């Protein structure tokens, strides 16, 4: 009974924080002609409700693809259609074809925010609760603390309830997939992850660990007996799920090709805006997008990404344990974020989800990463007027997670699982291993402010001649 009460209170607090953030501004509020992601989601409801399914991904007089055309897989379109039916019942003006562009009102904002919360309550939050209850170790208080920290992760809340998107739906489906694999329900886990892939193509960030874990597990069972049966069952589950999601587009090959062209827009370039990945950072020194063609950029990013994810994938294939699976999810998603093609700032959420799954095991490292991931989206949040909710939620998350998970007390080398790093450190320069986070935390010593002070010079330079020269030049 006490456990149910604590879980219920954690869920309630998570919902209250989400709803509190939703009162703030959203992407593109009052900024015509394109507005922002809020208008994109509303426009998809307009398109899917009023146009036949054959026109959803095609450029027509009633569907201008240059104005927030659909560029996500079919399950996103079906979700938009479902929301559109509800919107039509409340106010037909919200989804009026060609007459609702840029529609903004308090009632519509309330409706849109409610759809995000409904998706979280149905998909994301139940998956988090079940994961923390059944797949985390420790006492009840520790499990509830992990649950609360995951639900209060500010990055996802600020993007979904501030900026406005439905990331909780795709991440929730992925988490259901992780839950299925962790509990031994491989077919159900494959079904859930297939749905996630059909909702957002960026779930490819997590695809290789799922594949390697399932294949490695089947291989261990023997590919001539039980393992073969499991492999066939999983394969059929995935194929049937994809077939059902794509069924309306399979009658005409051109339809399916157009959907693929829309969800994989190679022409858009290597990265967008101020995304904290390798290509954007390298672009400061080397203008890659000016030097290489779009095709060359794509092949380069593909090769580097594949190189980055291969070691952990091979390790998982050889040792398909659930712990290795979670680590591979982190490595794969982060490699995709750093090196893959067409990366957005918000894509860091795909790496943040598997890191959230490590909060119970590696709290200090996980909290640090989640704080940095939220900070990396600050330019986007500032653009949307979300500085205040960013500051409040980030600070609250830092204080609560550090306290609830005893992060600063669990920082020994064994608790941080740095044995592999120590072996690697033998090959590094002698000074580099001394910079690791565990050593800094264990010292419990901070630089006093006096060490940062500069001595005051006895005399200051005379800048009068410079002022006269500037004045004379201006005349």
Protein backbone atom coordinates (compact mmCIF):
# COMPACT_ATOMS: atom_id res chain seq x y z
CA UNK A 1 0.00 0.00 0.00
CA UNK A 2 2.82 2.36 0.88
CA UNK A 3 4.53 1.60 -2.43
CA UNK A 4 1.37 2.39 -4.39
CA UNK A 5 1.04 5.68 -2.52
CA UNK A 6 4.62 6.70 -3.27
CA UNK A 7 4.28 5.75 -6.94
CA UNK A 8 0.99 7.65 -7.22
CA UNK A 9 2.53 10.74 -5.62
CA UNK A 10 5.49 10.56 -8.02
CA UNK A 11 3.17 10.32 -11.02
CA UNK A 12 1.06 13.21 -9.71
CA UNK A 13 4.14 15.39 -9.22
CA UNK A 14 5.36 14.53 -12.72
CA UNK A 15 1.97 15.48 -14.19
CA UNK A 16 1.83 18.74 -12.21
CA UNK A 17 5.29 19.80 -13.42
CA UNK A 18 4.33 18.97 -17.00
CA UNK A 19 1.13 20.94 -16.80
CA UNK A 20 2.90 23.85 -15.11
CA UNK A 21 5.40 24.09 -17.98
CA UNK A 22 2.54 23.92 -20.51
CA UNK A 23 1.30 27.37 -19.41
CA UNK A 24 4.40 28.92 -20.99
CA UNK A 25 4.99 29.85 -24.61
CA UNK A 26 5.47 27.38 -27.45
CA UNK A 27 7.43 27.14 -30.69
CA UNK A 28 6.55 29.90 -33.15
CA UNK A 29 3.89 31.56 -31.00
CA UNK A 30 2.68 34.65 -32.86
CA UNK A 31 5.46 34.43 -35.46
CA UNK A 32 3.99 34.23 -38.98
CA UNK A 33 4.27 33.09 -41.68
CA UNK A 34 5.71 29.68 -40.70
CA UNK A 35 5.15 29.83 -36.93
CA UNK A 36 6.77 26.68 -35.47
CA UNK A 37 6.43 23.05 -34.38
CA UNK A 38 3.13 23.80 -32.65
CA UNK A 39 1.66 24.89 -35.98
CA UNK A 40 3.28 21.90 -37.70
CA UNK A 41 1.42 19.49 -35.45
CA UNK A 42 -1.84 21.39 -35.91
CA UNK A 43 -1.35 21.51 -39.67
CA UNK A 44 -0.83 17.74 -39.84
CA UNK A 45 -4.19 17.32 -38.13
CA UNK A 46 -5.72 19.60 -40.77
CA UNK A 47 -4.14 17.67 -43.64
CA UNK A 48 -4.89 14.16 -42.40
CA UNK A 49 -8.50 14.99 -41.59
CA UNK A 50 -9.43 16.78 -44.81
CA UNK A 51 -7.38 15.03 -47.50
CA UNK A 52 -7.46 11.42 -48.71
CA UNK A 53 -4.62 9.29 -47.43
CA UNK A 54 -3.07 9.15 -50.93
CA UNK A 55 -2.36 12.91 -50.75
CA UNK A 56 -0.87 13.14 -47.27
CA UNK A 57 2.75 12.99 -48.43
CA UNK A 58 2.34 14.55 -51.90
CA UNK A 59 2.55 18.19 -52.92
CA UNK A 60 -0.89 19.34 -54.14
CA UNK A 61 -2.89 22.55 -54.26
CA UNK A 62 -4.41 21.65 -50.88
CA UNK A 63 -1.21 20.28 -49.38
CA UNK A 64 1.80 22.56 -49.75
CA UNK A 65 4.75 20.46 -48.60
CA UNK A 66 6.81 23.61 -48.17
CA UNK A 67 4.43 24.58 -45.36
CA UNK A 68 5.09 21.95 -42.70
CA UNK A 69 4.51 18.98 -44.98
CA UNK A 70 4.31 15.59 -43.29
CA UNK A 71 7.82 14.20 -42.86
CA UNK A 72 7.30 11.45 -40.29
CA UNK A 73 6.27 7.78 -40.75
CA UNK A 74 2.63 6.66 -41.09
CA UNK A 75 1.96 6.14 -37.38
CA UNK A 76 2.53 9.86 -36.74
CA UNK A 77 0.01 10.65 -39.48
CA UNK A 78 -2.54 8.27 -37.95
CA UNK A 79 -1.99 9.88 -34.54
CA UNK A 80 -2.58 13.31 -36.09
CA UNK A 81 -5.77 12.00 -37.68
CA UNK A 82 -7.02 10.74 -34.32
CA UNK A 83 -6.32 14.11 -32.69
CA UNK A 84 -8.03 15.84 -35.63
CA UNK A 85 -11.25 13.91 -35.08
CA UNK A 86 -11.34 15.06 -31.46
CA UNK A 87 -10.49 18.64 -32.51
CA UNK A 88 -13.30 18.61 -35.08
CA UNK A 89 -15.82 17.70 -32.37
CA UNK A 90 -14.68 20.58 -30.17
CA UNK A 91 -14.19 23.31 -32.78
CA UNK A 92 -14.20 22.67 -36.56
CA UNK A 93 -12.22 25.88 -37.12
CA UNK A 94 -9.14 24.20 -35.65
CA UNK A 95 -8.81 21.82 -38.61
CA UNK A 96 -10.48 23.81 -41.39
CA UNK A 97 -8.68 23.13 -44.68
CA UNK A 98 -6.63 26.16 -45.82
CA UNK A 99 -8.55 28.32 -43.36
CA UNK A 100 -6.85 27.41 -40.12
CA UNK A 101 -3.22 28.22 -40.84
CA UNK A 102 -1.54 29.79 -37.85
CA UNK A 103 -4.64 29.30 -35.72
CA UNK A 104 -3.93 30.34 -32.14
CA UNK A 105 -6.27 30.66 -29.18
CA UNK A 106 -6.21 29.78 -25.47
CA UNK A 107 -8.76 27.01 -26.03
CA UNK A 108 -6.75 25.47 -28.84
CA UNK A 109 -3.54 25.69 -26.82
CA UNK A 110 -5.32 23.87 -23.98
CA UNK A 111 -6.46 21.15 -26.37
CA UNK A 112 -3.01 20.66 -27.91
CA UNK A 113 -1.32 20.53 -24.51
CA UNK A 114 -3.93 18.01 -23.35
CA UNK A 115 -3.16 15.70 -26.28
CA UNK A 116 0.50 15.57 -25.22
CA UNK A 117 -0.46 14.81 -21.63
CA UNK A 118 -2.89 12.11 -22.75
CA UNK A 119 -0.14 10.44 -24.79
CA UNK A 120 2.19 10.50 -21.79
CA UNK A 121 -0.46 9.07 -19.46
CA UNK A 122 -1.28 6.27 -21.88
CA UNK A 123 2.21 5.33 -23.12
CA UNK A 124 5.25 6.97 -21.53
CA UNK A 125 4.43 7.17 -17.82
CA UNK A 126 3.14 3.56 -17.48
CA UNK A 127 6.32 2.30 -19.18
CA UNK A 128 8.50 4.29 -16.76
CA UNK A 129 6.55 2.99 -13.76
CA UNK A 130 6.83 -0.65 -14.84
CA UNK A 131 10.52 -0.31 -15.69
CA UNK A 132 11.36 1.16 -12.28
CA UNK A 133 9.23 -1.41 -10.42
CA UNK A 134 10.43 -4.54 -12.22
CA UNK A 135 13.80 -3.81 -13.85
CA UNK A 136 15.64 -1.74 -11.24
CA UNK A 137 17.41 -3.07 -8.16
CA UNK A 138 17.27 -1.84 -4.60
CA UNK A 139 14.73 -0.88 -1.98
CA UNK A 140 11.28 0.53 -2.61
CA UNK A 141 12.47 4.05 -1.82
CA UNK A 142 15.30 3.72 -4.31
CA UNK A 143 12.96 2.50 -7.04
CA UNK A 144 10.50 5.32 -6.36
CA UNK A 145 13.36 7.82 -6.34
CA UNK A 146 14.48 6.58 -9.76
CA UNK A 147 10.89 6.80 -11.01
CA UNK A 148 10.53 10.38 -9.83
CA UNK A 149 13.85 11.42 -11.38
CA UNK A 150 12.96 9.93 -14.77
CA UNK A 151 9.53 11.59 -14.73
CA UNK A 152 11.09 14.95 -13.84
CA UNK A 153 13.82 14.89 -16.50
CA UNK A 154 13.59 18.52 -17.70
CA UNK A 155 14.73 18.00 -21.29
CA UNK A 156 11.71 15.94 -22.33
CA UNK A 157 9.26 18.09 -20.36
CA UNK A 158 10.54 21.36 -21.84
CA UNK A 159 10.42 20.08 -25.42
CA UNK A 160 7.04 18.34 -25.26
CA UNK A 161 5.20 20.76 -22.96
CA UNK A 162 7.09 23.93 -23.80
CA UNK A 163 8.41 23.86 -27.36
CA UNK A 164 5.65 21.37 -28.32
CA UNK A 165 6.15 17.89 -29.71
CA UNK A 166 5.10 14.32 -28.97
CA UNK A 167 8.50 12.82 -28.12
CA UNK A 168 7.03 11.05 -25.10
CA UNK A 169 5.00 8.86 -27.43
CA UNK A 170 7.92 7.52 -29.48
CA UNK A 171 10.22 7.29 -26.45
CA UNK A 172 7.45 5.60 -24.50
CA UNK A 173 6.99 2.97 -27.20
CA UNK A 174 10.75 2.40 -27.18
CA UNK A 175 10.69 2.03 -23.42
CA UNK A 176 7.90 -0.54 -23.76
CA UNK A 177 10.25 -2.38 -26.12
CA UNK A 178 13.06 -2.25 -23.53
CA UNK A 179 10.62 -3.44 -20.89
CA UNK A 180 9.54 -6.36 -23.04
CA UNK A 181 13.12 -7.48 -23.65
CA UNK A 182 14.03 -7.04 -19.99
CA UNK A 183 11.14 -9.24 -18.87
CA UNK A 184 11.83 -11.88 -21.52
CA UNK A 185 8.85 -11.01 -23.73
CA UNK A 186 10.94 -10.59 -26.86
CA UNK A 187 8.07 -10.66 -29.36
CA UNK A 188 6.10 -8.00 -27.47
CA UNK A 189 9.24 -5.90 -27.09
CA UNK A 190 9.86 -6.16 -30.84
CA UNK A 191 6.26 -5.14 -31.50
CA UNK A 192 6.56 -2.06 -29.31
CA UNK A 193 9.85 -0.96 -30.85
CA UNK A 194 8.49 -1.52 -34.37
CA UNK A 195 5.64 0.85 -33.49
CA UNK A 196 8.21 3.37 -32.23
CA UNK A 197 10.09 3.15 -35.54
CA UNK A 198 6.84 3.70 -37.41
CA UNK A 199 6.09 6.76 -35.30
CA UNK A 200 9.47 8.49 -35.64
CA UNK A 201 12.27 7.47 -37.96
CA UNK A 202 14.82 8.83 -35.47
CA UNK A 203 14.21 5.69 -33.41
CA UNK A 204 16.76 4.19 -35.78
CA UNK A 205 19.18 5.58 -33.19
CA UNK A 206 18.15 2.60 -31.01
CA UNK A 207 17.59 0.00 -33.73
CA UNK A 208 20.98 -1.75 -33.88
CA UNK A 209 21.12 -2.58 -30.13
CA UNK A 210 17.63 -4.11 -30.36
CA UNK A 211 18.70 -6.15 -33.38
CA UNK A 212 22.01 -7.32 -31.91
CA UNK A 213 20.51 -8.18 -28.53
CA UNK A 214 17.72 -10.28 -30.03
CA UNK A 215 20.00 -11.96 -32.58
CA UNK A 216 22.65 -12.70 -29.96
CA UNK A 217 20.04 -14.12 -27.59
CA UNK A 218 18.59 -16.36 -30.32
CA UNK A 219 22.09 -17.51 -31.28
CA UNK A 220 22.80 -18.48 -27.68
CA UNK A 221 19.64 -20.59 -27.63
CA UNK A 222 20.81 -22.35 -30.78
CA UNK A 223 19.83 -21.43 -34.33
CA UNK A 224 18.69 -24.98 -35.07
CA UNK A 225 16.15 -25.37 -32.28
CA UNK A 226 14.56 -23.03 -29.78
CA UNK A 227 16.64 -20.09 -30.96
CA UNK A 228 15.45 -20.51 -34.54
CA UNK A 229 11.82 -20.59 -33.41
CA UNK A 230 12.33 -17.38 -31.39
CA UNK A 231 14.04 -15.69 -34.35
CA UNK A 232 11.19 -16.62 -36.71
CA UNK A 233 8.59 -15.42 -34.20
CA UNK A 234 10.34 -12.06 -33.77
CA UNK A 235 10.82 -11.65 -37.53
CA UNK A 236 7.14 -12.34 -38.24
CA UNK A 237 6.10 -9.90 -35.49
CA UNK A 238 8.23 -7.11 -36.95
CA UNK A 239 7.14 -7.73 -40.56
CA UNK A 240 3.44 -7.87 -39.67
CA UNK A 241 3.69 -4.68 -37.60
CA UNK A 242 5.39 -2.78 -40.42
CA UNK A 243 2.94 -4.18 -42.98
CA UNK A 244 -0.07 -3.02 -40.97
CA UNK A 245 1.37 0.47 -40.45
CA UNK A 246 2.26 0.86 -44.13
CA UNK A 247 -0.74 -1.00 -45.57
CA UNK A 248 -2.52 2.09 -47.00
CA UNK A 249 0.65 3.02 -48.93
CA UNK A 250 1.62 -0.42 -50.26
CA UNK A 251 -0.98 -0.62 -53.04
CA UNK A 252 1.04 1.86 -55.12
CA UNK A 253 4.87 1.67 -55.09
CA UNK A 254 5.06 5.40 -55.81
CA UNK A 255 3.13 6.08 -52.60
CA UNK A 256 5.60 4.10 -50.51
CA UNK A 257 8.59 5.72 -52.23
CA UNK A 258 7.17 9.20 -51.62
CA UNK A 259 6.75 8.45 -47.91
CA UNK A 260 10.37 7.27 -47.78
CA UNK A 261 11.54 10.41 -49.58
CA UNK A 262 9.67 12.56 -47.06
CA UNK A 263 10.94 10.82 -43.93
CA UNK A 264 14.56 10.68 -45.14
CA UNK A 265 15.18 14.16 -46.61
CA UNK A 266 18.80 13.89 -47.71
CA UNK A 267 18.72 17.32 -49.36
CA UNK A 268 18.27 19.16 -46.05
CA UNK A 269 21.93 18.92 -45.14
CA UNK A 270 24.19 17.55 -42.44
CA UNK A 271 22.71 19.37 -39.44
CA UNK A 272 20.26 22.12 -38.57
CA UNK A 273 20.56 25.16 -36.31
CA UNK A 274 22.78 25.07 -33.20
CA UNK A 275 22.90 21.34 -32.58
CA UNK A 276 25.63 20.18 -30.19
CA UNK A 277 27.06 17.42 -32.38
CA UNK A 278 30.43 16.77 -34.01
CA UNK A 279 29.59 18.19 -37.44
CA UNK A 280 28.27 21.48 -36.08
CA UNK A 281 31.35 21.84 -33.88
CA UNK A 282 33.70 20.96 -36.73
CA UNK A 283 31.91 23.44 -38.96
CA UNK A 284 33.48 26.27 -36.95
CA UNK A 285 36.88 25.32 -38.39
CA UNK A 286 35.99 23.46 -41.59
CA UNK A 287 32.91 24.44 -43.59
CA UNK A 288 31.94 20.88 -44.46
CA UNK A 289 28.63 21.83 -46.05
CA UNK A 290 30.44 24.17 -48.44
CA UNK A 291 33.22 21.72 -49.33
CA UNK A 292 31.24 18.50 -49.78
CA UNK A 293 28.11 17.77 -51.76
CA UNK A 294 24.97 16.52 -50.00
CA UNK A 295 25.67 12.96 -51.13
CA UNK A 296 29.27 13.09 -49.89
CA UNK A 297 28.13 14.49 -46.55
CA UNK A 298 25.64 11.64 -46.24
CA UNK A 299 28.21 8.92 -47.00
CA UNK A 300 30.74 10.50 -44.64
CA UNK A 301 28.29 10.68 -41.76
CA UNK A 302 27.08 7.14 -42.44
CA UNK A 303 30.62 5.74 -42.36
CA UNK A 304 31.62 7.58 -39.18
CA UNK A 305 28.38 6.65 -37.41
CA UNK A 306 28.76 2.99 -38.37
CA UNK A 307 32.34 3.03 -37.12
CA UNK A 308 31.23 4.52 -33.79
CA UNK A 309 28.44 2.01 -33.09
CA UNK A 310 30.18 -1.15 -34.30
CA UNK A 311 32.25 -2.00 -31.16
CA UNK A 312 29.33 -1.91 -28.71
CA UNK A 313 27.10 -3.74 -31.19
CA UNK A 314 29.61 -6.57 -31.62
CA UNK A 315 30.07 -6.74 -27.85
CA UNK A 316 26.28 -7.01 -27.42
CA UNK A 317 26.05 -9.66 -30.12
CA UNK A 318 28.66 -11.73 -28.29
CA UNK A 319 27.32 -11.04 -24.77
CA UNK A 320 23.56 -10.35 -25.02
CA UNK A 321 22.91 -9.39 -21.39
CA UNK A 322 20.37 -6.75 -20.39
CA UNK A 323 23.11 -4.57 -18.88
CA UNK A 324 25.11 -4.65 -22.11
CA UNK A 325 21.90 -3.89 -23.98
CA UNK A 326 21.33 -0.70 -21.98
CA UNK A 327 24.93 0.40 -22.47
CA UNK A 328 24.69 -0.28 -26.21
CA UNK A 329 21.52 1.84 -26.38
CA UNK A 330 23.42 4.76 -24.86
CA UNK A 331 26.41 4.31 -27.17
CA UNK A 332 24.33 3.88 -30.32
CA UNK A 333 22.02 6.83 -29.71
CA UNK A 334 24.90 9.10 -28.74
CA UNK A 335 26.93 8.02 -31.78
CA UNK A 336 23.97 8.81 -34.02
CA UNK A 337 23.50 12.18 -32.36
CA UNK A 338 27.17 13.09 -32.72
CA UNK A 339 27.85 11.80 -36.22
CA UNK A 340 24.68 10.97 -38.16
CA UNK A 341 22.94 12.96 -40.88
CA UNK A 342 20.25 15.62 -40.41
CA UNK A 343 20.52 15.95 -36.63
CA UNK A 344 18.34 18.39 -34.67
CA UNK A 345 18.95 19.80 -31.19
CA UNK A 346 16.01 17.80 -29.87
CA UNK A 347 17.60 14.52 -31.00
CA UNK A 348 19.61 14.49 -27.77
CA UNK A 349 16.41 13.20 -26.14
CA UNK A 350 17.01 9.91 -27.95
CA UNK A 351 20.29 9.55 -26.07
CA UNK A 352 18.77 10.83 -22.83
CA UNK A 353 16.20 8.01 -22.64
CA UNK A 354 18.72 5.14 -22.25
CA UNK A 355 20.77 7.32 -19.89
CA UNK A 356 17.64 7.66 -17.74
CA UNK A 357 17.62 3.87 -17.53
CA UNK A 358 21.06 4.06 -15.88
CA UNK A 359 20.02 6.49 -13.14
CA UNK A 360 19.68 3.67 -10.64
CA UNK A 361 23.06 2.12 -11.52
CA UNK A 362 25.24 5.14 -12.32
CA UNK A 363 23.46 8.12 -10.75
CA UNK A 364 26.32 10.61 -10.80
CA UNK A 365 27.22 10.06 -14.45
CA UNK A 366 23.58 9.89 -15.55
CA UNK A 367 22.56 13.09 -13.72
CA UNK A 368 25.55 14.92 -15.18
CA UNK A 369 24.66 13.80 -18.71
CA UNK A 370 20.97 14.67 -18.35
CA UNK A 371 21.81 18.15 -17.09
CA UNK A 372 24.20 18.75 -19.98
CA UNK A 373 21.69 17.38 -22.51
CA UNK A 374 19.08 19.87 -21.32
CA UNK A 375 21.61 22.71 -21.43
CA UNK A 376 22.53 21.78 -25.02
CA UNK A 377 18.99 22.73 -26.09
CA UNK A 378 19.17 26.17 -24.45
CA UNK A 379 19.38 28.17 -27.74
CA UNK A 380 16.13 26.54 -28.86
CA UNK A 381 14.49 27.09 -25.48
CA UNK A 382 15.52 30.75 -25.46
CA UNK A 383 14.00 31.17 -28.91
CA UNK A 384 10.71 29.85 -27.51
CA UNK A 385 10.79 32.05 -24.41
CA UNK A 386 11.35 29.14 -22.03
CA UNK A 387 14.29 30.42 -19.99
CA UNK A 388 12.39 30.56 -16.68
CA UNK A 389 10.90 27.04 -16.85
CA UNK A 390 14.33 25.78 -17.99
CA UNK A 391 16.04 27.29 -14.95
CA UNK A 392 13.41 26.07 -12.48
CA UNK A 393 13.05 22.51 -13.78
CA UNK A 394 16.81 22.00 -14.26
CA UNK A 395 17.65 23.21 -10.76
CA UNK A 396 14.84 21.16 -9.20
CA UNK A 397 15.93 18.04 -11.08
CA UNK A 398 19.55 18.50 -10.03
CA UNK A 399 18.72 18.91 -6.34
CA UNK A 400 16.12 16.13 -6.19
CA UNK A 401 18.04 13.55 -8.20
CA UNK A 402 21.31 14.16 -6.36
CA UNK A 403 19.53 13.75 -3.02
CA UNK A 404 17.18 10.88 -3.86
CA UNK A 405 19.82 8.77 -5.60
CA UNK A 406 22.68 9.66 -3.21
CA UNK A 407 24.74 10.54 -6.27
CA UNK A 408 27.62 12.26 -4.45
CA UNK A 409 28.00 9.34 -2.04
CA UNK A 410 28.23 6.72 -4.79
CA UNK A 411 31.35 7.87 -6.58
CA UNK A 412 33.98 5.23 -5.90
CA UNK A 413 35.70 3.64 -8.84
CA UNK A 414 33.72 0.41 -8.38
CA UNK A 415 30.37 2.22 -8.08
CA UNK A 416 31.09 4.26 -11.19
CA UNK A 417 32.15 1.06 -13.01
CA UNK A 418 35.41 2.53 -14.21
CA UNK A 419 37.38 -0.73 -14.36
CA UNK A 420 37.35 -0.70 -18.16
CA UNK A 421 38.35 2.94 -18.18
CA UNK A 422 41.30 2.15 -15.93
CA UNK A 423 42.54 -0.43 -18.42
CA UNK A 424 42.18 2.12 -21.19
CA UNK A 425 43.95 4.77 -19.10
CA UNK A 426 47.18 2.78 -19.23
CA UNK A 427 47.46 3.74 -22.90
CA UNK A 428 46.74 7.43 -22.33
CA UNK A 429 49.15 10.25 -21.40
CA UNK A 430 50.03 10.23 -17.71
CA UNK A 431 48.17 13.48 -16.93
CA UNK A 432 44.88 12.60 -18.66
CA UNK A 433 43.53 9.97 -16.22
CA UNK A 434 43.85 12.50 -13.40
CA UNK A 435 41.07 14.58 -14.99
CA UNK A 436 38.33 11.99 -14.52
CA UNK A 437 35.09 12.94 -12.74
CA UNK A 438 35.37 10.31 -10.00
CA UNK A 439 38.77 11.58 -8.85
CA UNK A 440 37.55 15.19 -8.77
CA UNK A 441 34.45 14.29 -6.75
CA UNK A 442 36.35 12.10 -4.29
CA UNK A 443 38.79 14.87 -3.46
CA UNK A 444 35.88 16.95 -2.10
CA UNK A 445 38.05 20.02 -2.49
CA UNK A 446 37.06 23.13 -4.40
CA UNK A 447 39.24 25.98 -5.56
CA UNK A 448 38.78 28.97 -3.24
CA UNK A 449 37.80 32.23 -4.93
CA UNK A 450 41.15 33.73 -3.97
CA UNK A 451 42.89 31.45 -6.47
CA UNK A 452 40.92 33.06 -9.27
CA UNK A 453 41.86 36.64 -8.36
CA UNK A 454 44.38 38.56 -10.45
CA UNK A 455 46.85 40.96 -8.83
CA UNK A 456 45.96 44.62 -9.25
CA UNK A 457 48.58 46.42 -11.37
CA UNK A 458 50.41 49.33 -9.81
CA UNK A 459 49.75 51.64 -12.76
CA UNK A 460 47.31 51.57 -15.64
CA UNK A 461 48.21 52.35 -19.27
CA UNK A 462 47.45 55.83 -20.57
CA UNK A 463 44.79 55.46 -23.27
CA UNK A 464 44.45 59.22 -23.94
CA UNK A 465 46.58 59.12 -27.14
CA UNK A 466 44.36 56.33 -28.50
CA UNK A 467 41.23 58.37 -27.81
CA UNK A 468 42.68 61.41 -29.56
CA UNK A 469 43.71 59.32 -32.57
CA UNK A 470 40.21 57.86 -32.92
CA UNK A 471 38.65 61.32 -32.57
CA UNK A 472 41.01 62.80 -35.18
CA UNK A 473 40.28 59.93 -37.58
CA UNK A 474 36.54 60.46 -37.19
CA UNK A 475 36.91 64.12 -38.15
